[in-house]
C-alpha cells in the first residue's frame, strides 16, 4: 500500500504539469475562437488578480485625453475666427 502512495506522490507533479498544459491549450483555443467561456474567465481573472501600475496607466490615459481635448479646442478656436 505504501508503494502505491509513493508512486502516486512521485507522479503527481507530472500529472499536474500535464493538466496545466492541457488547460492552457484549451483556453488558448477558446480565446482564438472568441468563445464566451474564455472571455468570461478572462474577465474573472482580471477582476480577481491585481494589475500592476493600474493607477499609473489610468492617469496616463486621462492626461492623453486632456491633451487631445485641448488640441481640438485650440484648432476649433483657430478655424472659428
N, C-alpha and C. Protein backbone atom coordinates (compact mmCIF):
# COMPACT_ATOMS: atom_id res chain seq x y z
N UNK A 1 0.82 -1.19 0.00
CA UNK A 1 0.00 0.00 0.00
C UNK A 1 0.87 1.26 0.00
N UNK A 2 1.96 1.23 0.74
CA UNK A 2 2.81 2.41 0.77
C UNK A 2 3.52 2.61 -0.56
N UNK A 3 3.76 1.53 -1.29
CA UNK A 3 4.40 1.65 -2.61
C UNK A 3 3.49 2.40 -3.57
N UNK A 4 2.22 2.12 -3.52
CA UNK A 4 1.26 2.80 -4.39
C UNK A 4 1.21 4.29 -4.06
N UNK A 5 1.19 4.62 -2.78
CA UNK A 5 1.16 6.02 -2.36
C UNK A 5 2.44 6.74 -2.79
N UNK A 6 3.58 6.08 -2.65
CA UNK A 6 4.85 6.69 -3.06
C UNK A 6 4.89 6.93 -4.56
N UNK A 7 4.39 5.99 -5.32
CA UNK A 7 4.35 6.15 -6.78
C UNK A 7 3.43 7.30 -7.16
N UNK A 8 2.25 7.36 -6.54
CA UNK A 8 1.32 8.45 -6.82
C UNK A 8 1.91 9.80 -6.44
N UNK A 9 2.61 9.88 -5.34
CA UNK A 9 3.26 11.14 -4.94
C UNK A 9 4.38 11.51 -5.91
N UNK A 10 5.09 10.51 -6.44
CA UNK A 10 6.17 10.78 -7.38
C UNK A 10 5.63 11.24 -8.74
N UNK A 11 4.47 10.73 -9.12
CA UNK A 11 3.89 11.06 -10.43
C UNK A 11 3.08 12.35 -10.38
N UNK A 12 2.60 12.75 -9.22
CA UNK A 12 1.67 13.88 -9.13
C UNK A 12 2.20 15.19 -9.72
N UNK A 13 3.48 15.56 -9.58
CA UNK A 13 3.92 16.80 -10.23
C UNK A 13 3.81 16.75 -11.75
N UNK A 14 4.08 15.60 -12.33
CA UNK A 14 3.98 15.45 -13.79
C UNK A 14 2.53 15.50 -14.26
N UNK A 15 1.65 14.88 -13.49
CA UNK A 15 0.24 14.93 -13.83
C UNK A 15 -0.27 16.37 -13.72
N UNK A 16 0.16 17.07 -12.69
CA UNK A 16 -0.22 18.47 -12.53
C UNK A 16 0.29 19.33 -13.67
N UNK A 17 1.53 19.11 -14.10
CA UNK A 17 2.10 19.86 -15.21
C UNK A 17 1.35 19.59 -16.51
N UNK A 18 1.06 18.32 -16.76
CA UNK A 18 0.31 17.98 -17.97
C UNK A 18 -1.10 18.56 -17.94
N UNK A 19 -1.71 18.60 -16.76
CA UNK A 19 -3.04 19.19 -16.62
C UNK A 19 -2.99 20.68 -16.91
N UNK A 20 -1.98 21.37 -16.41
CA UNK A 20 -1.85 22.80 -16.66
C UNK A 20 -1.60 23.09 -18.14
N UNK A 21 -0.79 22.27 -18.79
CA UNK A 21 -0.54 22.44 -20.22
C UNK A 21 -1.84 22.24 -21.00
N UNK A 22 -2.59 21.21 -20.66
CA UNK A 22 -3.86 20.96 -21.32
C UNK A 22 -4.83 22.13 -21.12
N UNK A 23 -4.89 22.65 -19.89
CA UNK A 23 -5.78 23.76 -19.59
C UNK A 23 -5.38 25.01 -20.38
N UNK A 24 -4.10 25.29 -20.46
CA UNK A 24 -3.64 26.46 -21.21
C UNK A 24 -3.95 26.33 -22.69
N UNK A 25 -3.73 25.15 -23.24
CA UNK A 25 -4.03 24.94 -24.66
C UNK A 25 -5.52 25.07 -24.94
N UNK A 26 -6.34 24.55 -24.04
CA UNK A 26 -7.79 24.65 -24.21
C UNK A 26 -8.24 26.10 -24.14
N UNK A 27 -7.77 26.84 -23.15
CA UNK A 27 -8.14 28.25 -23.03
C UNK A 27 -7.64 29.06 -24.20
N UNK A 28 -6.46 28.74 -24.69
CA UNK A 28 -5.90 29.45 -25.85
C UNK A 28 -6.77 29.22 -27.09
N UNK A 29 -7.17 27.98 -27.30
CA UNK A 29 -8.01 27.70 -28.47
C UNK A 29 -9.38 28.38 -28.32
N UNK A 30 -9.92 28.41 -27.11
CA UNK A 30 -11.19 29.11 -26.89
C UNK A 30 -11.04 30.59 -27.17
N UNK A 31 -9.93 31.17 -26.73
CA UNK A 31 -9.72 32.60 -26.93
C UNK A 31 -9.57 32.92 -28.42
N UNK A 32 -8.91 32.04 -29.16
CA UNK A 32 -8.77 32.28 -30.60
C UNK A 32 -10.10 32.19 -31.32
N UNK A 33 -10.99 31.34 -30.82
CA UNK A 33 -12.32 31.20 -31.41
C UNK A 33 -13.30 32.22 -30.84
N UNK A 34 -12.85 33.02 -29.88
CA UNK A 34 -13.66 34.05 -29.22
C UNK A 34 -14.91 33.46 -28.58
N UNK A 35 -14.73 32.38 -27.84
CA UNK A 35 -15.86 31.77 -27.14
C UNK A 35 -16.16 32.55 -25.87
N UNK A 36 -17.40 32.50 -25.46
CA UNK A 36 -17.85 33.26 -24.29
C UNK A 36 -17.17 32.78 -23.01
N UNK A 37 -16.86 31.49 -22.93
CA UNK A 37 -16.23 30.96 -21.73
C UNK A 37 -14.85 31.57 -21.53
N UNK A 38 -14.10 31.73 -22.60
CA UNK A 38 -12.76 32.32 -22.50
C UNK A 38 -12.86 33.78 -22.10
N UNK A 39 -13.82 34.48 -22.65
CA UNK A 39 -14.00 35.89 -22.30
C UNK A 39 -14.42 36.02 -20.84
N UNK A 40 -15.32 35.17 -20.40
CA UNK A 40 -15.77 35.20 -19.01
C UNK A 40 -14.65 34.88 -18.04
N UNK A 41 -13.86 33.86 -18.34
CA UNK A 41 -12.73 33.52 -17.47
C UNK A 41 -11.71 34.64 -17.44
N UNK A 42 -11.48 35.26 -18.59
CA UNK A 42 -10.53 36.37 -18.63
C UNK A 42 -11.01 37.54 -17.80
N UNK A 43 -12.29 37.84 -17.87
CA UNK A 43 -12.84 38.93 -17.06
C UNK A 43 -12.77 38.60 -15.58
N UNK A 44 -13.03 37.34 -15.23
CA UNK A 44 -12.97 36.94 -13.83
C UNK A 44 -11.54 37.04 -13.30
N UNK A 45 -10.58 36.58 -14.10
CA UNK A 45 -9.18 36.65 -13.67
C UNK A 45 -8.73 38.10 -13.54
N UNK A 46 -9.20 38.94 -14.44
CA UNK A 46 -8.83 40.35 -14.38
C UNK A 46 -9.41 41.00 -13.12
N UNK A 47 -10.59 40.57 -12.72
CA UNK A 47 -11.22 41.14 -11.53
C UNK A 47 -10.55 40.63 -10.25
N UNK A 48 -10.10 39.39 -10.26
CA UNK A 48 -9.54 38.79 -9.05
C UNK A 48 -8.05 39.07 -8.85
N UNK A 49 -7.31 39.14 -9.94
CA UNK A 49 -5.87 39.32 -9.84
C UNK A 49 -5.52 40.80 -9.92
N UNK A 50 -4.59 41.25 -9.10
CA UNK A 50 -4.20 42.65 -9.17
C UNK A 50 -3.39 42.93 -10.44
N UNK A 51 -3.64 44.10 -11.00
CA UNK A 51 -2.93 44.51 -12.20
C UNK A 51 -1.89 45.55 -11.78
N UNK A 52 -0.61 45.33 -12.09
CA UNK A 52 0.40 46.29 -11.67
C UNK A 52 0.27 47.61 -12.43
N UNK A 53 0.53 48.68 -11.74
CA UNK A 53 0.56 50.03 -12.31
C UNK A 53 -0.78 50.45 -12.91
N UNK A 54 -1.88 50.02 -12.35
CA UNK A 54 -3.19 50.39 -12.88
C UNK A 54 -3.41 51.89 -12.73
N UNK A 55 -3.11 52.42 -11.55
CA UNK A 55 -3.34 53.84 -11.32
C UNK A 55 -2.48 54.69 -12.25
N UNK A 56 -1.25 54.25 -12.47
CA UNK A 56 -0.36 54.99 -13.37
C UNK A 56 -0.91 54.97 -14.80
N UNK A 57 -1.40 53.83 -15.23
CA UNK A 57 -1.96 53.73 -16.58
C UNK A 57 -3.21 54.59 -16.72
N UNK A 58 -4.05 54.62 -15.71
CA UNK A 58 -5.27 55.42 -15.76
C UNK A 58 -4.93 56.90 -15.85
N UNK A 59 -3.97 57.34 -15.06
CA UNK A 59 -3.60 58.76 -15.12
C UNK A 59 -2.99 59.11 -16.47
N UNK A 60 -2.23 58.22 -17.06
CA UNK A 60 -1.66 58.48 -18.38
C UNK A 60 -2.75 58.61 -19.43
N UNK A 61 -3.75 57.76 -19.37
CA UNK A 61 -4.85 57.82 -20.34
C UNK A 61 -5.63 59.12 -20.17
N UNK A 62 -5.89 59.50 -18.93
CA UNK A 62 -6.61 60.75 -18.68
C UNK A 62 -5.82 61.94 -19.19
N UNK A 63 -4.51 61.96 -18.95
CA UNK A 63 -3.67 63.06 -19.43
C UNK A 63 -3.67 63.13 -20.95
N UNK A 64 -3.61 61.98 -21.62
CA UNK A 64 -3.63 61.98 -23.08
C UNK A 64 -4.95 62.53 -23.61
N UNK A 65 -6.06 62.14 -22.96
CA UNK A 65 -7.37 62.64 -23.40
C UNK A 65 -7.46 64.15 -23.20
N UNK A 66 -6.92 64.66 -22.08
CA UNK A 66 -6.96 66.09 -21.83
C UNK A 66 -6.13 66.84 -22.87
N UNK A 67 -4.99 66.30 -23.23
CA UNK A 67 -4.15 66.93 -24.25
C UNK A 67 -4.86 66.94 -25.59
N UNK A 68 -5.51 65.84 -25.94
CA UNK A 68 -6.23 65.78 -27.21
C UNK A 68 -7.41 66.76 -27.21
N UNK A 69 -8.10 66.90 -26.08
CA UNK A 69 -9.20 67.85 -26.00
C UNK A 69 -8.71 69.28 -26.14
N UNK A 70 -7.57 69.58 -25.52
CA UNK A 70 -7.01 70.93 -25.65
C UNK A 70 -6.63 71.22 -27.09
N UNK A 71 -6.02 70.26 -27.76
CA UNK A 71 -5.63 70.45 -29.16
C UNK A 71 -6.86 70.66 -30.04
N UNK A 72 -7.90 69.86 -29.81
CA UNK A 72 -9.11 70.01 -30.63
C UNK A 72 -9.79 71.34 -30.34
N UNK A 73 -9.78 71.77 -29.08
CA UNK A 73 -10.38 73.06 -28.73
C UNK A 73 -9.59 74.21 -29.37
N UNK A 74 -8.26 74.10 -29.37
CA UNK A 74 -7.43 75.13 -29.98
C UNK A 74 -7.63 75.18 -31.49
N UNK A 75 -7.75 74.02 -32.11
CA UNK A 75 -7.95 74.01 -33.56
C UNK A 75 -9.33 74.56 -33.93
N UNK A 76 -10.34 74.32 -33.11
CA UNK A 76 -11.67 74.87 -33.35
C UNK A 76 -11.66 76.38 -33.18
N UNK A 77 -10.93 76.89 -32.18
CA UNK A 77 -10.84 78.33 -31.97
C UNK A 77 -10.09 78.99 -33.12
N UNK A 78 -9.06 78.34 -33.62
CA UNK A 78 -8.28 78.90 -34.72
C UNK A 78 -9.06 78.96 -36.02
N UNK A 79 -9.90 78.00 -36.28
CA UNK A 79 -10.69 77.98 -37.51
C UNK A 79 -11.94 78.84 -37.39
N UNK A 80 -12.40 79.06 -36.17
CA UNK A 80 -13.63 79.82 -35.96
C UNK A 80 -13.44 81.32 -36.14
N UNK A 81 -12.26 81.84 -36.01
CA UNK A 81 -12.06 83.29 -36.13
C UNK A 81 -11.66 83.73 -37.48
